Amino acid sequence: MAASRQSGKQAYDLILGDAGKVFDLSQEKDDARERYGRNRFGQSCLVARRLVERGVPYVTINYNGWDTHRQHFETMRRKLPELDKGLSALLQDLSDRSLLASTIVWCCGEFGRTPKVQWEAPWNGGRSHYGNVFSALVAGGGFKGGQVVGASTAKGEEVKDRPVYPVDLIGSMYDLLGINGDGRLPHPLGLPATVLASSGEGVPIGGRLKEIM
């Protein structure tokens, strides 16, 4: 609880105190703001870098609009350039400021999109929810760059090689952060509960991403 109160005080100070200037992007040079992209996501990435510089331990950027049941390709032509520009600028900036090695950057959604495009009305080129295959990007914080783990079939319908599950990804991050995945958590019924899901023998499910750690 003490840690939670301290984090809450830090957030309060950042927003309402002098440190609230961290959100004032007029303090940044125009070329920096242009590198991130003059859109909500790009400028949010720039704010994230400023927060990391000031020691904020957890930063979340919500980038809505990917639920493309309709007109998927029109939406992607707008959003993908924004994502590429903002995310690449963030990674480069963190690296240039010697912050990337100590900062995990995790970019993903909660599921993928159907390989089959729905061209009929009212979808007009839409893609629905699809949980069988999707991807995530991680960088910094001890992860090795330039690596691809796993592969899908040619049409992205099924996992073909080296499946990676959510528990593998979060477990790998916990390892890098020094968090014990086997650590016990309180349970209202007194049942055994650990930080990560485990088998009946208490063995973590899945495998860590040793390829990129």
N, C-alpha and C. Protein backbone atom coordinates (compact mmCIF):
# COMPACT_ATOMS: atom_id res chain seq x y z
N MET A 1 0.82 -1.20 0.00
CA MET A 1 0.00 0.00 0.00
C MET A 1 0.86 1.27 0.00
N ALA A 2 1.98 1.21 0.71
CA ALA A 2 2.86 2.38 0.75
C ALA A 2 3.36 2.71 -0.64
N ALA A 3 3.71 1.65 -1.41
CA ALA A 3 4.20 1.86 -2.77
C ALA A 3 3.10 2.46 -3.64
N SER A 4 1.85 2.00 -3.45
CA SER A 4 0.74 2.52 -4.23
C SER A 4 0.50 3.99 -3.92
N ARG A 5 0.56 4.36 -2.64
CA ARG A 5 0.38 5.76 -2.26
C ARG A 5 1.48 6.63 -2.84
N GLN A 6 2.70 6.10 -2.82
CA GLN A 6 3.83 6.87 -3.37
C GLN A 6 3.66 7.07 -4.86
N SER A 7 3.23 6.02 -5.59
CA SER A 7 3.00 6.14 -7.03
C SER A 7 1.89 7.14 -7.31
N GLY A 8 0.83 7.10 -6.47
CA GLY A 8 -0.26 8.05 -6.65
C GLY A 8 0.19 9.48 -6.43
N LYS A 9 1.06 9.69 -5.43
CA LYS A 9 1.58 11.04 -5.16
C LYS A 9 2.42 11.52 -6.34
N GLN A 10 3.24 10.60 -6.92
CA GLN A 10 4.05 10.97 -8.06
C GLN A 10 3.18 11.39 -9.23
N ALA A 11 2.11 10.63 -9.47
CA ALA A 11 1.20 10.98 -10.56
C ALA A 11 0.54 12.33 -10.32
N TYR A 12 0.14 12.57 -9.06
CA TYR A 12 -0.50 13.84 -8.70
C TYR A 12 0.47 15.00 -8.94
N ASP A 13 1.70 14.83 -8.49
CA ASP A 13 2.70 15.88 -8.65
C ASP A 13 2.97 16.16 -10.13
N LEU A 14 3.01 15.08 -10.92
CA LEU A 14 3.29 15.25 -12.35
C LEU A 14 2.19 16.06 -13.03
N ILE A 15 0.95 15.80 -12.66
CA ILE A 15 -0.17 16.43 -13.35
C ILE A 15 -0.43 17.84 -12.83
N LEU A 16 -0.39 18.02 -11.50
CA LEU A 16 -0.79 19.29 -10.91
C LEU A 16 0.37 20.15 -10.42
N GLY A 17 1.51 19.54 -10.16
CA GLY A 17 2.63 20.30 -9.65
C GLY A 17 3.49 20.88 -10.77
N ASP A 18 4.66 21.39 -10.39
CA ASP A 18 5.58 21.94 -11.38
C ASP A 18 5.99 20.90 -12.40
N ALA A 19 6.03 19.64 -11.95
CA ALA A 19 6.43 18.58 -12.87
C ALA A 19 5.39 18.37 -13.96
N GLY A 20 4.20 18.97 -13.80
CA GLY A 20 3.16 18.85 -14.82
C GLY A 20 3.61 19.42 -16.17
N LYS A 21 4.68 20.17 -16.15
CA LYS A 21 5.21 20.71 -17.40
C LYS A 21 5.68 19.61 -18.35
N VAL A 22 5.79 18.38 -17.82
CA VAL A 22 6.18 17.26 -18.66
C VAL A 22 5.19 17.07 -19.81
N PHE A 23 3.94 17.50 -19.60
CA PHE A 23 2.92 17.34 -20.64
C PHE A 23 2.85 18.53 -21.59
N ASP A 24 3.66 19.54 -21.34
CA ASP A 24 3.66 20.74 -22.18
C ASP A 24 4.63 20.54 -23.34
N LEU A 25 4.11 20.13 -24.47
CA LEU A 25 4.97 19.82 -25.62
C LEU A 25 5.47 21.06 -26.34
N SER A 26 5.00 22.23 -25.94
CA SER A 26 5.54 23.45 -26.53
C SER A 26 7.00 23.64 -26.13
N GLN A 27 7.44 22.90 -25.10
CA GLN A 27 8.85 22.96 -24.68
C GLN A 27 9.75 22.17 -25.62
N GLU A 28 9.17 21.36 -26.49
CA GLU A 28 9.95 20.58 -27.44
C GLU A 28 10.17 21.38 -28.72
N LYS A 29 11.28 21.14 -29.38
CA LYS A 29 11.55 21.80 -30.65
C LYS A 29 10.59 21.27 -31.72
N ASP A 30 10.31 22.11 -32.70
CA ASP A 30 9.37 21.74 -33.76
C ASP A 30 9.83 20.51 -34.53
N ASP A 31 11.15 20.38 -34.76
CA ASP A 31 11.61 19.24 -35.54
C ASP A 31 11.40 17.93 -34.77
N ALA A 32 11.49 17.98 -33.44
CA ALA A 32 11.23 16.79 -32.64
C ALA A 32 9.76 16.40 -32.74
N ARG A 33 8.88 17.37 -32.66
CA ARG A 33 7.46 17.08 -32.76
C ARG A 33 7.11 16.56 -34.15
N GLU A 34 7.77 17.06 -35.16
CA GLU A 34 7.54 16.57 -36.52
C GLU A 34 8.01 15.13 -36.67
N ARG A 35 9.14 14.80 -36.05
CA ARG A 35 9.67 13.43 -36.16
C ARG A 35 8.69 12.41 -35.60
N TYR A 36 7.99 12.78 -34.54
CA TYR A 36 7.02 11.88 -33.93
C TYR A 36 5.70 11.84 -34.69
N GLY A 37 5.43 12.87 -35.46
CA GLY A 37 4.18 12.96 -36.20
C GLY A 37 3.20 13.87 -35.49
N ARG A 38 2.63 14.79 -36.24
CA ARG A 38 1.67 15.75 -35.66
C ARG A 38 0.27 15.13 -35.62
N ASN A 39 0.16 14.10 -34.85
CA ASN A 39 -1.13 13.44 -34.65
C ASN A 39 -1.15 12.96 -33.19
N ARG A 40 -2.32 12.51 -32.74
CA ARG A 40 -2.47 12.18 -31.32
C ARG A 40 -1.51 11.08 -30.89
N PHE A 41 -1.35 10.03 -31.70
CA PHE A 41 -0.46 8.95 -31.31
C PHE A 41 0.99 9.41 -31.28
N GLY A 42 1.43 10.10 -32.31
CA GLY A 42 2.81 10.56 -32.35
C GLY A 42 3.16 11.45 -31.17
N GLN A 43 2.28 12.39 -30.87
CA GLN A 43 2.55 13.29 -29.75
C GLN A 43 2.44 12.56 -28.41
N SER A 44 1.62 11.52 -28.34
CA SER A 44 1.56 10.70 -27.13
C SER A 44 2.88 9.96 -26.91
N CYS A 45 3.50 9.50 -28.00
CA CYS A 45 4.81 8.85 -27.89
C CYS A 45 5.85 9.83 -27.37
N LEU A 46 5.76 11.07 -27.80
CA LEU A 46 6.69 12.10 -27.33
C LEU A 46 6.48 12.36 -25.84
N VAL A 47 5.23 12.42 -25.40
CA VAL A 47 4.95 12.58 -23.97
C VAL A 47 5.50 11.38 -23.20
N ALA A 48 5.36 10.18 -23.77
CA ALA A 48 5.87 8.97 -23.11
C ALA A 48 7.38 9.06 -22.89
N ARG A 49 8.10 9.54 -23.89
CA ARG A 49 9.55 9.71 -23.73
C ARG A 49 9.87 10.69 -22.62
N ARG A 50 9.12 11.79 -22.55
CA ARG A 50 9.34 12.78 -21.51
C ARG A 50 9.04 12.20 -20.13
N LEU A 51 8.02 11.36 -20.01
CA LEU A 51 7.70 10.73 -18.74
C LEU A 51 8.79 9.75 -18.32
N VAL A 52 9.28 8.96 -19.27
CA VAL A 52 10.35 8.01 -18.96
C VAL A 52 11.59 8.75 -18.49
N GLU A 53 11.90 9.86 -19.14
CA GLU A 53 13.05 10.67 -18.73
C GLU A 53 12.96 11.11 -17.27
N ARG A 54 11.74 11.32 -16.81
CA ARG A 54 11.53 11.81 -15.44
C ARG A 54 11.30 10.68 -14.45
N GLY A 55 11.53 9.45 -14.89
CA GLY A 55 11.50 8.33 -13.96
C GLY A 55 10.15 7.70 -13.73
N VAL A 56 9.15 8.03 -14.54
CA VAL A 56 7.84 7.38 -14.40
C VAL A 56 7.99 5.91 -14.79
N PRO A 57 7.63 4.96 -13.93
CA PRO A 57 7.95 3.55 -14.18
C PRO A 57 7.04 2.86 -15.19
N TYR A 58 5.79 3.31 -15.32
CA TYR A 58 4.85 2.65 -16.24
C TYR A 58 4.10 3.71 -17.04
N VAL A 59 4.14 3.58 -18.36
CA VAL A 59 3.46 4.52 -19.23
C VAL A 59 2.64 3.71 -20.24
N THR A 60 1.37 4.04 -20.40
CA THR A 60 0.51 3.36 -21.36
C THR A 60 -0.01 4.36 -22.38
N ILE A 61 0.09 4.00 -23.65
CA ILE A 61 -0.47 4.81 -24.73
C ILE A 61 -1.62 4.01 -25.33
N ASN A 62 -2.82 4.54 -25.27
CA ASN A 62 -3.97 3.92 -25.92
C ASN A 62 -4.12 4.49 -27.32
N TYR A 63 -4.10 3.60 -28.30
CA TYR A 63 -4.18 4.02 -29.71
C TYR A 63 -5.38 3.30 -30.32
N ASN A 64 -6.53 3.91 -30.23
CA ASN A 64 -7.78 3.29 -30.65
C ASN A 64 -7.95 3.32 -32.16
N GLY A 65 -8.97 2.59 -32.63
CA GLY A 65 -9.35 2.67 -34.03
C GLY A 65 -8.94 1.50 -34.89
N TRP A 66 -8.45 0.41 -34.27
CA TRP A 66 -7.97 -0.74 -35.03
C TRP A 66 -9.04 -1.82 -35.19
N ASP A 67 -10.23 -1.61 -34.68
CA ASP A 67 -11.30 -2.61 -34.75
C ASP A 67 -12.00 -2.47 -36.10
N THR A 68 -11.32 -2.89 -37.15
CA THR A 68 -11.70 -2.56 -38.52
C THR A 68 -12.65 -3.59 -39.12
N HIS A 69 -13.85 -3.68 -38.58
CA HIS A 69 -14.88 -4.53 -39.18
C HIS A 69 -15.30 -3.98 -40.55
N ARG A 70 -15.13 -2.69 -40.72
CA ARG A 70 -15.49 -2.05 -41.98
C ARG A 70 -14.30 -1.27 -42.53
N GLN A 71 -14.20 -1.26 -43.84
CA GLN A 71 -13.22 -0.42 -44.55
C GLN A 71 -11.83 -0.50 -43.92
N HIS A 72 -11.36 -1.73 -43.77
CA HIS A 72 -10.08 -1.99 -43.12
C HIS A 72 -8.93 -1.26 -43.82
N PHE A 73 -8.88 -1.34 -45.12
CA PHE A 73 -7.70 -0.84 -45.84
C PHE A 73 -7.64 0.68 -45.83
N GLU A 74 -8.78 1.33 -45.90
CA GLU A 74 -8.79 2.79 -45.79
C GLU A 74 -8.24 3.22 -44.43
N THR A 75 -8.64 2.50 -43.38
CA THR A 75 -8.16 2.83 -42.04
C THR A 75 -6.66 2.58 -41.91
N MET A 76 -6.18 1.47 -42.46
CA MET A 76 -4.75 1.14 -42.35
C MET A 76 -3.87 2.13 -43.09
N ARG A 77 -4.37 2.65 -44.21
CA ARG A 77 -3.56 3.63 -44.94
C ARG A 77 -3.34 4.90 -44.12
N ARG A 78 -4.22 5.16 -43.17
CA ARG A 78 -4.05 6.32 -42.30
C ARG A 78 -3.26 5.98 -41.04
N LYS A 79 -3.60 4.84 -40.43
CA LYS A 79 -3.04 4.55 -39.11
C LYS A 79 -1.64 3.95 -39.15
N LEU A 80 -1.34 3.13 -40.13
CA LEU A 80 -0.02 2.49 -40.16
C LEU A 80 1.13 3.50 -40.28
N PRO A 81 1.03 4.52 -41.14
CA PRO A 81 2.11 5.52 -41.16
C PRO A 81 2.26 6.25 -39.82
N GLU A 82 1.13 6.51 -39.14
CA GLU A 82 1.21 7.15 -37.83
C GLU A 82 1.93 6.25 -36.83
N LEU A 83 1.59 4.96 -36.84
CA LEU A 83 2.24 4.01 -35.93
C LEU A 83 3.73 3.91 -36.23
N ASP A 84 4.09 3.75 -37.49
CA ASP A 84 5.50 3.62 -37.86
C ASP A 84 6.30 4.84 -37.44
N LYS A 85 5.76 6.01 -37.70
CA LYS A 85 6.51 7.24 -37.42
C LYS A 85 6.66 7.47 -35.92
N GLY A 86 5.56 7.35 -35.19
CA GLY A 86 5.62 7.62 -33.75
C GLY A 86 6.45 6.60 -32.99
N LEU A 87 6.26 5.33 -33.30
CA LEU A 87 6.98 4.28 -32.58
C LEU A 87 8.47 4.29 -32.90
N SER A 88 8.82 4.47 -34.16
CA SER A 88 10.24 4.50 -34.53
C SER A 88 10.95 5.71 -33.90
N ALA A 89 10.25 6.84 -33.85
CA ALA A 89 10.85 8.03 -33.22
C ALA A 89 11.05 7.80 -31.73
N LEU A 90 10.09 7.15 -31.09
CA LEU A 90 10.22 6.86 -29.66
C LEU A 90 11.42 5.96 -29.39
N LEU A 91 11.54 4.88 -30.17
CA LEU A 91 12.66 3.95 -29.96
C LEU A 91 14.00 4.64 -30.21
N GLN A 92 14.07 5.45 -31.27
CA GLN A 92 15.33 6.13 -31.58
C GLN A 92 15.68 7.14 -30.49
N ASP A 93 14.68 7.87 -30.02
CA ASP A 93 14.90 8.87 -28.99
C ASP A 93 15.37 8.22 -27.68
N LEU A 94 14.72 7.13 -27.29
CA LEU A 94 15.13 6.42 -26.08
C LEU A 94 16.56 5.91 -26.21
N SER A 95 16.89 5.40 -27.39
CA SER A 95 18.25 4.90 -27.62
C SER A 95 19.28 6.03 -27.56
N ASP A 96 18.97 7.14 -28.22
CA ASP A 96 19.90 8.27 -28.25
C ASP A 96 20.14 8.84 -26.85
N ARG A 97 19.15 8.69 -25.96
CA ARG A 97 19.27 9.24 -24.61
C ARG A 97 19.68 8.18 -23.59
N SER A 98 20.14 7.02 -24.10
CA SER A 98 20.61 5.91 -23.24
C SER A 98 19.53 5.43 -22.28
N LEU A 99 18.29 5.44 -22.75
CA LEU A 99 17.16 4.99 -21.94
C LEU A 99 16.55 3.69 -22.43
N LEU A 100 16.87 3.28 -23.65
CA LEU A 100 16.22 2.10 -24.22
C LEU A 100 16.60 0.83 -23.49
N ALA A 101 17.85 0.72 -23.08
CA ALA A 101 18.31 -0.49 -22.40
C ALA A 101 17.59 -0.74 -21.09
N SER A 102 17.07 0.32 -20.48
CA SER A 102 16.38 0.18 -19.20
C SER A 102 14.86 0.34 -19.33
N THR A 103 14.37 0.40 -20.55
CA THR A 103 12.94 0.60 -20.78
C THR A 103 12.41 -0.46 -21.73
N ILE A 104 11.41 -1.22 -21.28
CA ILE A 104 10.74 -2.18 -22.16
C ILE A 104 9.62 -1.47 -22.90
N VAL A 105 9.63 -1.57 -24.22
CA VAL A 105 8.56 -1.03 -25.05
C VAL A 105 7.78 -2.22 -25.61
N TRP A 106 6.48 -2.23 -25.37
CA TRP A 106 5.63 -3.35 -25.75
C TRP A 106 4.48 -2.78 -26.57
N CYS A 107 4.32 -3.25 -27.81
CA CYS A 107 3.29 -2.74 -28.70
C CYS A 107 2.46 -3.90 -29.20
N CYS A 108 1.18 -3.91 -28.88
CA CYS A 108 0.31 -4.99 -29.36
C CYS A 108 -1.15 -4.62 -29.15
N GLY A 109 -2.03 -5.42 -29.76
CA GLY A 109 -3.45 -5.37 -29.50
C GLY A 109 -3.86 -6.62 -28.77
N GLU A 110 -5.18 -6.81 -28.58
CA GLU A 110 -5.61 -7.99 -27.83
C GLU A 110 -5.90 -9.19 -28.71
N PHE A 111 -5.96 -9.00 -30.04
CA PHE A 111 -6.16 -10.12 -30.96
C PHE A 111 -5.87 -9.63 -32.37
N GLY A 112 -5.85 -10.58 -33.33
CA GLY A 112 -5.59 -10.21 -34.70
C GLY A 112 -6.87 -9.99 -35.48
N ARG A 113 -6.74 -9.94 -36.80
CA ARG A 113 -7.88 -9.74 -37.70
C ARG A 113 -7.97 -10.94 -38.64
N THR A 114 -9.18 -11.25 -39.07
CA THR A 114 -9.40 -12.41 -39.93
C THR A 114 -8.57 -12.33 -41.21
N PRO A 115 -7.96 -13.48 -41.62
CA PRO A 115 -7.23 -13.48 -42.90
C PRO A 115 -8.15 -13.22 -44.09
N LYS A 116 -9.40 -13.66 -43.98
CA LYS A 116 -10.35 -13.46 -45.07
C LYS A 116 -11.01 -12.10 -44.95
N VAL A 117 -10.94 -11.33 -46.04
CA VAL A 117 -11.54 -9.99 -46.06
C VAL A 117 -13.02 -10.10 -46.42
N GLN A 118 -13.85 -9.37 -45.70
CA GLN A 118 -15.28 -9.35 -45.97
C GLN A 118 -15.60 -8.17 -46.90
N TRP A 119 -15.73 -8.47 -48.18
CA TRP A 119 -15.93 -7.42 -49.18
C TRP A 119 -17.38 -7.01 -49.31
N GLU A 120 -18.29 -7.89 -48.88
CA GLU A 120 -19.71 -7.59 -49.07
C GLU A 120 -20.18 -6.46 -48.16
N ALA A 121 -21.28 -5.83 -48.57
CA ALA A 121 -21.89 -4.79 -47.73
C ALA A 121 -22.49 -5.45 -46.48
N PRO A 122 -22.46 -4.80 -45.31
CA PRO A 122 -22.02 -3.40 -45.10
C PRO A 122 -20.55 -3.27 -44.74
N TRP A 123 -19.77 -4.37 -44.84
CA TRP A 123 -18.39 -4.36 -44.35
C TRP A 123 -17.44 -3.66 -45.31
N ASN A 124 -17.66 -3.83 -46.62
CA ASN A 124 -16.89 -3.09 -47.63
C ASN A 124 -15.37 -3.19 -47.41
N GLY A 125 -14.90 -4.43 -47.29
CA GLY A 125 -13.46 -4.63 -47.10
C GLY A 125 -13.07 -4.64 -45.64
N GLY A 126 -13.90 -5.24 -44.79
CA GLY A 126 -13.61 -5.29 -43.36
C GLY A 126 -12.95 -6.60 -42.94
N ARG A 127 -12.38 -6.60 -41.74
CA ARG A 127 -11.78 -7.80 -41.16
C ARG A 127 -12.25 -7.91 -39.71
N SER A 128 -12.73 -9.09 -39.34
CA SER A 128 -13.29 -9.28 -38.01
C SER A 128 -12.24 -9.73 -37.01
N HIS A 129 -12.66 -10.00 -35.79
CA HIS A 129 -11.76 -10.46 -34.74
C HIS A 129 -11.19 -11.83 -35.09
N TYR A 130 -9.92 -12.05 -34.73
CA TYR A 130 -9.28 -13.33 -35.02
C TYR A 130 -8.18 -13.57 -33.99
N GLY A 131 -8.39 -14.57 -33.14
CA GLY A 131 -7.43 -14.82 -32.06
C GLY A 131 -6.43 -15.92 -32.33
N ASN A 132 -6.57 -16.63 -33.47
CA ASN A 132 -5.67 -17.77 -33.73
C ASN A 132 -4.23 -17.35 -33.99
N VAL A 133 -4.05 -16.23 -34.67
CA VAL A 133 -2.71 -15.75 -35.02
C VAL A 133 -2.68 -14.23 -34.91
N PHE A 134 -1.74 -13.70 -34.17
CA PHE A 134 -1.49 -12.26 -34.18
C PHE A 134 -0.08 -12.04 -33.65
N SER A 135 0.38 -10.83 -33.67
CA SER A 135 1.78 -10.57 -33.33
C SER A 135 1.90 -9.43 -32.33
N ALA A 136 3.07 -9.34 -31.74
CA ALA A 136 3.39 -8.26 -30.81
C ALA A 136 4.83 -7.83 -31.06
N LEU A 137 5.13 -6.59 -30.72
CA LEU A 137 6.48 -6.06 -30.85
C LEU A 137 7.00 -5.72 -29.47
N VAL A 138 8.23 -6.14 -29.17
CA VAL A 138 8.89 -5.74 -27.93
C VAL A 138 10.28 -5.22 -28.27
N ALA A 139 10.73 -4.27 -27.49
CA ALA A 139 12.06 -3.69 -27.71
C ALA A 139 12.60 -3.17 -26.39
N GLY A 140 13.92 -3.04 -26.33
CA GLY A 140 14.57 -2.46 -25.16
C GLY A 140 14.51 -3.35 -23.94
N GLY A 141 14.98 -2.83 -22.83
CA GLY A 141 14.87 -3.49 -21.54
C GLY A 141 15.52 -4.85 -21.42
N GLY A 142 16.44 -5.18 -22.33
CA GLY A 142 17.09 -6.48 -22.29
C GLY A 142 16.71 -7.38 -23.45
N PHE A 143 15.67 -7.03 -24.19
CA PHE A 143 15.32 -7.80 -25.39
C PHE A 143 16.31 -7.50 -26.51
N LYS A 144 16.69 -8.52 -27.26
CA LYS A 144 17.58 -8.35 -28.40
C LYS A 144 16.78 -7.84 -29.59
N GLY A 145 17.30 -6.84 -30.27
CA GLY A 145 16.60 -6.29 -31.43
C GLY A 145 16.79 -7.13 -32.68
N GLY A 146 15.95 -6.90 -33.66
CA GLY A 146 16.10 -7.54 -34.96
C GLY A 146 15.79 -9.02 -34.99
N GLN A 147 15.02 -9.51 -34.05
CA GLN A 147 14.71 -10.93 -34.00
C GLN A 147 13.21 -11.15 -34.28
N VAL A 148 12.90 -12.26 -34.94
CA VAL A 148 11.52 -12.67 -35.17
C VAL A 148 11.35 -14.06 -34.56
N VAL A 149 10.39 -14.22 -33.69
CA VAL A 149 10.12 -15.50 -33.04
C VAL A 149 8.79 -16.02 -33.54
N GLY A 150 8.80 -17.22 -34.13
CA GLY A 150 7.56 -17.83 -34.60
C GLY A 150 7.19 -17.41 -36.00
N ALA A 151 6.26 -18.16 -36.58
CA ALA A 151 5.80 -17.88 -37.94
C ALA A 151 4.39 -18.43 -38.11
N SER A 152 3.65 -17.81 -39.02
CA SER A 152 2.31 -18.27 -39.35
C SER A 152 2.33 -18.96 -40.70
N THR A 153 1.24 -19.60 -41.06
CA THR A 153 1.09 -20.12 -42.41
C THR A 153 1.04 -18.95 -43.39
N ALA A 154 1.15 -19.25 -44.69
CA ALA A 154 1.29 -18.21 -45.71
C ALA A 154 0.15 -17.19 -45.68
N LYS A 155 -1.06 -17.65 -45.36
CA LYS A 155 -2.21 -16.76 -45.34
C LYS A 155 -2.54 -16.23 -43.94
N GLY A 156 -1.69 -16.52 -42.98
CA GLY A 156 -1.91 -16.02 -41.63
C GLY A 156 -3.10 -16.65 -40.94
N GLU A 157 -3.38 -17.92 -41.29
CA GLU A 157 -4.55 -18.58 -40.73
C GLU A 157 -4.25 -19.35 -39.44
N GLU A 158 -3.05 -19.90 -39.34
CA GLU A 158 -2.67 -20.70 -38.18
C GLU A 158 -1.20 -20.46 -37.85
N VAL A 159 -0.81 -20.80 -36.62
CA VAL A 159 0.61 -20.74 -36.24
C VAL A 159 1.33 -21.91 -36.88
N LYS A 160 2.42 -21.64 -37.55
CA LYS A 160 3.18 -22.68 -38.24
C LYS A 160 4.38 -23.14 -37.42
N ASP A 161 5.04 -22.20 -36.75
CA ASP A 161 6.29 -22.52 -36.08
C ASP A 161 6.44 -21.70 -34.81
N ARG A 162 6.92 -22.32 -33.75
CA ARG A 162 7.28 -21.70 -32.48
C ARG A 162 6.16 -20.80 -31.95
N PRO A 163 5.03 -21.40 -31.52
CA PRO A 163 3.97 -20.56 -30.95
C PRO A 163 4.44 -19.82 -29.70
N VAL A 164 3.98 -18.61 -29.54
CA VAL A 164 4.27 -17.80 -28.37
C VAL A 164 2.94 -17.40 -27.75
N TYR A 165 2.76 -17.69 -26.47
CA TYR A 165 1.51 -17.40 -25.78
C TYR A 165 1.67 -16.16 -24.90
N PRO A 166 0.55 -15.53 -24.53
CA PRO A 166 0.66 -14.34 -23.67
C PRO A 166 1.49 -14.58 -22.42
N VAL A 167 1.36 -15.77 -21.81
CA VAL A 167 2.13 -16.05 -20.60
C VAL A 167 3.63 -16.09 -20.89
N ASP A 168 4.02 -16.53 -22.10
CA ASP A 168 5.43 -16.52 -22.48
C ASP A 168 5.96 -15.09 -22.54
N LEU A 169 5.17 -14.22 -23.13
CA LEU A 169 5.60 -12.84 -23.31
C LEU A 169 5.69 -12.11 -21.98
N ILE A 170 4.63 -12.19 -21.18
CA ILE A 170 4.67 -11.48 -19.91
C ILE A 170 5.68 -12.12 -18.96
N GLY A 171 5.85 -13.45 -19.04
CA GLY A 171 6.86 -14.11 -18.22
C GLY A 171 8.26 -13.66 -18.56
N SER A 172 8.52 -13.45 -19.85
CA SER A 172 9.83 -12.96 -20.28
C SER A 172 10.08 -11.55 -19.76
N MET A 173 9.04 -10.72 -19.79
CA MET A 173 9.18 -9.37 -19.25
C MET A 173 9.44 -9.41 -17.75
N TYR A 174 8.72 -10.28 -17.05
CA TYR A 174 8.95 -10.40 -15.61
C TYR A 174 10.39 -10.82 -15.32
N ASP A 175 10.91 -11.76 -16.11
CA ASP A 175 12.30 -12.19 -15.93
C ASP A 175 13.25 -11.00 -16.05
N LEU A 176 13.05 -10.20 -17.09
CA LEU A 176 13.93 -9.06 -17.32
C LEU A 176 13.78 -7.99 -16.24
N LEU A 177 12.59 -7.90 -15.66
CA LEU A 177 12.33 -6.93 -14.61
C LEU A 177 12.71 -7.44 -13.22
N GLY A 178 13.15 -8.71 -13.15
CA GLY A 178 13.53 -9.28 -11.86
C GLY A 178 12.35 -9.69 -11.01
N ILE A 179 11.19 -9.93 -11.63
CA ILE A 179 9.99 -10.36 -10.91
C ILE A 179 9.91 -11.88 -10.94
N ASN A 180 9.75 -12.48 -9.80
CA ASN A 180 9.67 -13.94 -9.70
C ASN A 180 8.29 -14.41 -10.14
N GLY A 181 8.22 -15.09 -11.28
CA GLY A 181 6.95 -15.58 -11.77
C GLY A 181 6.32 -16.64 -10.90
N ASP A 182 7.13 -17.30 -10.07
CA ASP A 182 6.61 -18.32 -9.17
C ASP A 182 6.19 -17.73 -7.82
N GLY A 183 6.34 -16.42 -7.67
CA GLY A 183 5.97 -15.80 -6.40
C GLY A 183 4.51 -16.00 -6.06
N ARG A 184 4.23 -16.22 -4.79
CA ARG A 184 2.86 -16.48 -4.34
C ARG A 184 2.07 -15.18 -4.20
N LEU A 185 0.78 -15.27 -4.54
CA LEU A 185 -0.13 -14.15 -4.40
C LEU A 185 -1.22 -14.51 -3.39
N PRO A 186 -1.76 -13.53 -2.68
CA PRO A 186 -2.87 -13.83 -1.75
C PRO A 186 -4.10 -14.30 -2.52
N HIS A 187 -4.85 -15.21 -1.91
CA HIS A 187 -6.06 -15.73 -2.53
C HIS A 187 -7.17 -15.73 -1.49
N PRO A 188 -8.37 -15.24 -1.84
CA PRO A 188 -9.43 -15.11 -0.83
C PRO A 188 -9.86 -16.44 -0.22
N LEU A 189 -9.63 -17.54 -0.92
CA LEU A 189 -10.00 -18.86 -0.40
C LEU A 189 -8.80 -19.64 0.12
N GLY A 190 -7.65 -18.99 0.13
CA GLY A 190 -6.46 -19.65 0.62
C GLY A 190 -5.86 -20.64 -0.35
N LEU A 191 -6.30 -20.62 -1.60
CA LEU A 191 -5.78 -21.54 -2.61
C LEU A 191 -4.42 -21.05 -3.12
N PRO A 192 -3.60 -21.96 -3.64
CA PRO A 192 -2.30 -21.53 -4.17
C PRO A 192 -2.48 -20.69 -5.43
N ALA A 193 -1.85 -19.54 -5.46
CA ALA A 193 -1.91 -18.65 -6.62
C ALA A 193 -0.53 -18.03 -6.80
N THR A 194 -0.05 -18.05 -8.03
CA THR A 194 1.28 -17.50 -8.32
C THR A 194 1.16 -16.33 -9.29
N VAL A 195 2.25 -15.57 -9.41
CA VAL A 195 2.28 -14.41 -10.29
C VAL A 195 1.93 -14.81 -11.72
N LEU A 196 2.49 -15.92 -12.19
CA LEU A 196 2.19 -16.45 -13.52
C LEU A 196 1.35 -17.70 -13.39
N ALA A 197 0.54 -17.97 -14.41
CA ALA A 197 -0.22 -19.21 -14.44
C ALA A 197 0.75 -20.39 -14.45
N SER A 198 0.36 -21.47 -13.80
CA SER A 198 1.25 -22.62 -13.71
C SER A 198 0.47 -23.90 -13.84
N SER A 199 1.18 -24.98 -14.10
CA SER A 199 0.57 -26.30 -14.14
C SER A 199 0.32 -26.77 -12.72
N GLY A 200 -0.24 -27.96 -12.58
CA GLY A 200 -0.53 -28.49 -11.26
C GLY A 200 0.70 -28.65 -10.40
N GLU A 201 1.87 -28.78 -11.01
CA GLU A 201 3.12 -28.93 -10.26
C GLU A 201 3.79 -27.60 -9.98
N GLY A 202 3.10 -26.52 -10.32
CA GLY A 202 3.68 -25.20 -10.07
C GLY A 202 4.72 -24.80 -11.10
N VAL A 203 4.73 -25.47 -12.26
CA VAL A 203 5.68 -25.15 -13.31
C VAL A 203 5.06 -24.13 -14.25
N PRO A 204 5.72 -23.01 -14.54
CA PRO A 204 5.14 -22.02 -15.45
C PRO A 204 4.77 -22.64 -16.79
N ILE A 205 3.60 -22.27 -17.32
CA ILE A 205 3.17 -22.75 -18.62
C ILE A 205 3.97 -22.04 -19.71
N GLY A 206 4.28 -22.76 -20.79
CA GLY A 206 4.96 -22.16 -21.94
C GLY A 206 6.44 -22.00 -21.70
N GLY A 207 7.12 -21.35 -22.63
CA GLY A 207 8.56 -21.16 -22.54
C GLY A 207 8.95 -19.72 -22.71
N ARG A 208 9.98 -19.29 -22.00
CA ARG A 208 10.43 -17.92 -22.11
C ARG A 208 11.02 -17.66 -23.50
N LEU A 209 11.03 -16.40 -23.89
CA LEU A 209 11.53 -16.03 -25.20
C LEU A 209 13.04 -15.88 -25.18
N LYS A 210 13.74 -16.99 -24.92
CA LYS A 210 15.20 -16.93 -24.80
C LYS A 210 15.86 -16.45 -26.10
N GLU A 211 15.14 -16.60 -27.24
CA GLU A 211 15.71 -16.19 -28.51
C GLU A 211 15.99 -14.69 -28.56
N ILE A 212 15.22 -13.93 -27.81
CA ILE A 212 15.38 -12.48 -27.91
C ILE A 212 15.70 -11.85 -26.55
N MET A 213 16.22 -12.64 -25.64
CA MET A 213 16.60 -12.10 -24.33
C MET A 213 18.10 -12.26 -24.11
